[in-house]
Amino acid sequence: MSTTTAKMKTTVELMRRGAVMIKEPCSVCNGVQLRYKGKVYCSNHDDLAVALQAKEILFPDVAEDLKNLLLVKLKESMSLLENEKDSAELDRLVSLMTRYVELLRKLEPAQRA
């Protein structure tokens, strides 16, 4: 199969999956551009196979990752708090931990959605 035929098939597959042609031509090669999952690809010179592999990022996935990171940071802060003697540093750690907990609580409704 020729490169041109392969590109054409990939372009058609992207459009079948929801890609939209943009009326402005590519500024590099004057080719047809497609917008797919928030990114713009040139049908002439971009590797459209990469576009086919693009995964849409969804908020619940990001919220779960953020929740896990916050829990790790909260655990690390707890360890630091346990051995800290300086009152200013204790205050800073407690404030930081409070913000972590507030963010975790705000994420709970988002994860149920």
C-alpha atoms as a PDB file:
ATOM      1  CA  MET A   1       0.000   0.000   0.000  1.00  0.00           C
ATOM      2  CA  SER A   2       1.428   3.401  -0.934  1.00  0.00           C
ATOM      3  CA  THR A   3       2.097   6.092   1.644  1.00  0.00           C
ATOM      4  CA  THR A   4      -0.554   8.326   0.047  1.00  0.00           C
ATOM      5  CA  THR A   5      -3.177   5.577   0.255  1.00  0.00           C
ATOM      6  CA  ALA A   6      -2.254   4.829   3.868  1.00  0.00           C
ATOM      7  CA  LYS A   7      -2.520   8.525   4.798  1.00  0.00           C
ATOM      8  CA  MET A   8      -5.885   8.766   3.046  1.00  0.00           C
ATOM      9  CA  LYS A   9      -7.212   5.736   4.946  1.00  0.00           C
ATOM     10  CA  THR A  10      -5.933   7.141   8.238  1.00  0.00           C
ATOM     11  CA  THR A  11      -7.509  10.534   7.481  1.00  0.00           C
ATOM     12  CA  VAL A  12     -10.843   8.863   6.721  1.00  0.00           C
ATOM     13  CA  GLU A  13     -10.610   6.834   9.956  1.00  0.00           C
ATOM     14  CA  LEU A  14      -9.921   9.992  11.973  1.00  0.00           C
ATOM     15  CA  MET A  15     -12.947  11.687  10.430  1.00  0.00           C
ATOM     16  CA  ARG A  16     -15.048   8.621  11.159  1.00  0.00           C
ATOM     17  CA  ARG A  17     -13.957   8.949  14.801  1.00  0.00           C
ATOM     18  CA  GLY A  18     -14.932  12.611  14.944  1.00  0.00           C
ATOM     19  CA  ALA A  19     -12.068  14.628  13.466  1.00  0.00           C
ATOM     20  CA  VAL A  20     -13.114  17.852  11.770  1.00  0.00           C
ATOM     21  CA  MET A  21     -11.508  19.469   8.728  1.00  0.00           C
ATOM     22  CA  ILE A  22     -10.271  22.996   9.327  1.00  0.00           C
ATOM     23  CA  LYS A  23     -10.774  25.487   6.507  1.00  0.00           C
ATOM     24  CA  GLU A  24      -7.334  27.101   6.988  1.00  0.00           C
ATOM     25  CA  PRO A  25      -4.591  25.196   5.150  1.00  0.00           C
ATOM     26  CA  CYS A  26      -1.402  24.088   6.893  1.00  0.00           C
ATOM     27  CA  SER A  27       1.053  26.976   7.195  1.00  0.00           C
ATOM     28  CA  VAL A  28       3.975  24.616   6.475  1.00  0.00           C
ATOM     29  CA  CYS A  29       2.824  22.718   3.389  1.00  0.00           C
ATOM     30  CA  ASN A  30      -0.602  24.170   2.508  1.00  0.00           C
ATOM     31  CA  GLY A  31      -2.185  20.755   3.219  1.00  0.00           C
ATOM     32  CA  VAL A  32      -5.579  19.948   4.698  1.00  0.00           C
ATOM     33  CA  GLN A  33      -5.697  20.180   8.482  1.00  0.00           C
ATOM     34  CA  LEU A  34      -7.814  18.149  10.885  1.00  0.00           C
ATOM     35  CA  ARG A  35      -8.759  18.891  14.484  1.00  0.00           C
ATOM     36  CA  TYR A  36      -8.976  15.748  16.598  1.00  0.00           C
ATOM     37  CA  LYS A  37      -9.268  15.559  20.392  1.00  0.00           C
ATOM     38  CA  GLY A  38      -8.084  19.117  20.818  1.00  0.00           C
ATOM     39  CA  LYS A  39      -5.042  18.891  18.554  1.00  0.00           C
ATOM     40  CA  VAL A  40      -4.528  19.997  14.963  1.00  0.00           C
ATOM     41  CA  TYR A  41      -2.891  17.615  12.480  1.00  0.00           C
ATOM     42  CA  CYS A  42      -1.818  18.180   8.892  1.00  0.00           C
ATOM     43  CA  SER A  43      -2.987  15.364   6.634  1.00  0.00           C
ATOM     44  CA  ASN A  44       0.160  15.778   4.500  1.00  0.00           C
ATOM     45  CA  HIS A  45       3.124  15.833   6.837  1.00  0.00           C
ATOM     46  CA  ASP A  46       1.959  14.842  10.345  1.00  0.00           C
ATOM     47  CA  ASP A  47       2.012  11.237  11.518  1.00  0.00           C
ATOM     48  CA  LEU A  48      -1.715  10.569  11.660  1.00  0.00           C
ATOM     49  CA  ALA A  49      -1.188   7.126  13.202  1.00  0.00           C
ATOM     50  CA  VAL A  50      -0.200   8.968  16.389  1.00  0.00           C
ATOM     51  CA  ALA A  51      -3.524  10.804  16.277  1.00  0.00           C
ATOM     52  CA  LEU A  52      -5.388   7.491  16.072  1.00  0.00           C
ATOM     53  CA  GLN A  53      -3.669   6.372  19.262  1.00  0.00           C
ATOM     54  CA  ALA A  54      -4.535   9.593  21.106  1.00  0.00           C
ATOM     55  CA  LYS A  55      -6.577   8.953  24.206  1.00  0.00           C
ATOM     56  CA  GLU A  56      -9.058  11.465  25.447  1.00  0.00           C
ATOM     57  CA  ILE A  57      -8.259  12.650  28.947  1.00  0.00           C
ATOM     58  CA  LEU A  58     -11.325  12.600  31.160  1.00  0.00           C
ATOM     59  CA  PHE A  59     -11.755  14.532  34.404  1.00  0.00           C
ATOM     60  CA  PRO A  60     -12.578  11.481  36.562  1.00  0.00           C
ATOM     61  CA  ASP A  61      -9.256   9.903  35.531  1.00  0.00           C
ATOM     62  CA  VAL A  62      -7.325  13.054  36.383  1.00  0.00           C
ATOM     63  CA  ALA A  63      -9.271  13.436  39.649  1.00  0.00           C
ATOM     64  CA  GLU A  64      -8.317   9.883  40.669  1.00  0.00           C
ATOM     65  CA  ASP A  65      -4.628  10.562  39.925  1.00  0.00           C
ATOM     66  CA  LEU A  66      -4.782  13.827  41.875  1.00  0.00           C
ATOM     67  CA  LYS A  67      -6.476  12.085  44.809  1.00  0.00           C
ATOM     68  CA  ASN A  68      -3.689   9.491  44.928  1.00  0.00           C
ATOM     69  CA  LEU A  69      -0.997  12.169  44.780  1.00  0.00           C
ATOM     70  CA  LEU A  70      -2.656  14.178  47.555  1.00  0.00           C
ATOM     71  CA  LEU A  71      -2.862  11.084  49.747  1.00  0.00           C
ATOM     72  CA  VAL A  72       0.861  10.416  49.249  1.00  0.00           C
ATOM     73  CA  LYS A  73       1.695  14.039  50.064  1.00  0.00           C
ATOM     74  CA  LEU A  74      -0.562  13.959  53.114  1.00  0.00           C
ATOM     75  CA  LYS A  75       1.214  10.823  54.360  1.00  0.00           C
ATOM     76  CA  GLU A  76       4.623  12.460  53.780  1.00  0.00           C
ATOM     77  CA  SER A  77       3.503  15.569  55.659  1.00  0.00           C
ATOM     78  CA  MET A  78       2.274  13.435  58.550  1.00  0.00           C
ATOM     79  CA  SER A  79       5.746  11.881  58.862  1.00  0.00           C
ATOM     80  CA  LEU A  80       7.358  15.313  58.885  1.00  0.00           C
ATOM     81  CA  LEU A  81       4.838  16.590  61.422  1.00  0.00           C
ATOM     82  CA  GLU A  82       5.569  13.735  63.804  1.00  0.00           C
ATOM     83  CA  ASN A  83       9.229  14.711  64.245  1.00  0.00           C
ATOM     84  CA  GLU A  84       8.974  18.503  63.894  1.00  0.00           C
ATOM     85  CA  LYS A  85       9.779  20.692  66.927  1.00  0.00           C
ATOM     86  CA  ASP A  86       9.742  24.181  65.396  1.00  0.00           C
ATOM     87  CA  SER A  87       6.328  25.796  65.966  1.00  0.00           C
ATOM     88  CA  ALA A  88       6.449  27.844  62.748  1.00  0.00           C
ATOM     89  CA  GLU A  89       7.198  24.717  60.714  1.00  0.00           C
ATOM     90  CA  LEU A  90       4.469  22.824  62.589  1.00  0.00           C
ATOM     91  CA  ASP A  91       2.014  25.571  61.667  1.00  0.00           C
ATOM     92  CA  ARG A  92       3.102  25.449  58.009  1.00  0.00           C
ATOM     93  CA  LEU A  93       2.741  21.658  57.871  1.00  0.00           C
ATOM     94  CA  VAL A  94      -0.709  21.703  59.502  1.00  0.00           C
ATOM     95  CA  SER A  95      -1.830  24.410  57.069  1.00  0.00           C
ATOM     96  CA  LEU A  96      -0.534  22.394  54.129  1.00  0.00           C
ATOM     97  CA  MET A  97      -2.212  19.220  55.368  1.00  0.00           C
ATOM     98  CA  THR A  98      -5.475  21.098  55.844  1.00  0.00           C
ATOM     99  CA  ARG A  99      -5.358  22.206  52.209  1.00  0.00           C
ATOM    100  CA  TYR A 100      -4.688  18.629  51.106  1.00  0.00           C
ATOM    101  CA  VAL A 101      -7.713  17.399  53.044  1.00  0.00           C
ATOM    102  CA  GLU A 102      -9.907  20.202  51.643  1.00  0.00           C
ATOM    103  CA  LEU A 103      -8.885  19.279  48.099  1.00  0.00           C
ATOM    104  CA  LEU A 104      -9.573  15.606  48.770  1.00  0.00           C
ATOM    105  CA  ARG A 105     -13.070  16.469  50.005  1.00  0.00           C
ATOM    106  CA  LYS A 106     -13.729  18.582  46.924  1.00  0.00           C
ATOM    107  CA  LEU A 107     -12.634  15.712  44.681  1.00  0.00           C
ATOM    108  CA  GLU A 108     -15.043  13.192  46.237  1.00  0.00           C
ATOM    109  CA  PRO A 109     -18.181  14.493  44.417  1.00  0.00           C
ATOM    110  CA  ALA A 110     -16.223  14.710  41.141  1.00  0.00           C
ATOM    111  CA  GLN A 111     -15.272  11.052  41.333  1.00  0.00           C
ATOM    112  CA  ARG A 112     -18.866   9.933  41.766  1.00  0.00           C
ATOM    113  CA  ALA A 113     -19.898  11.817  38.608  1.00  0.00           C
END
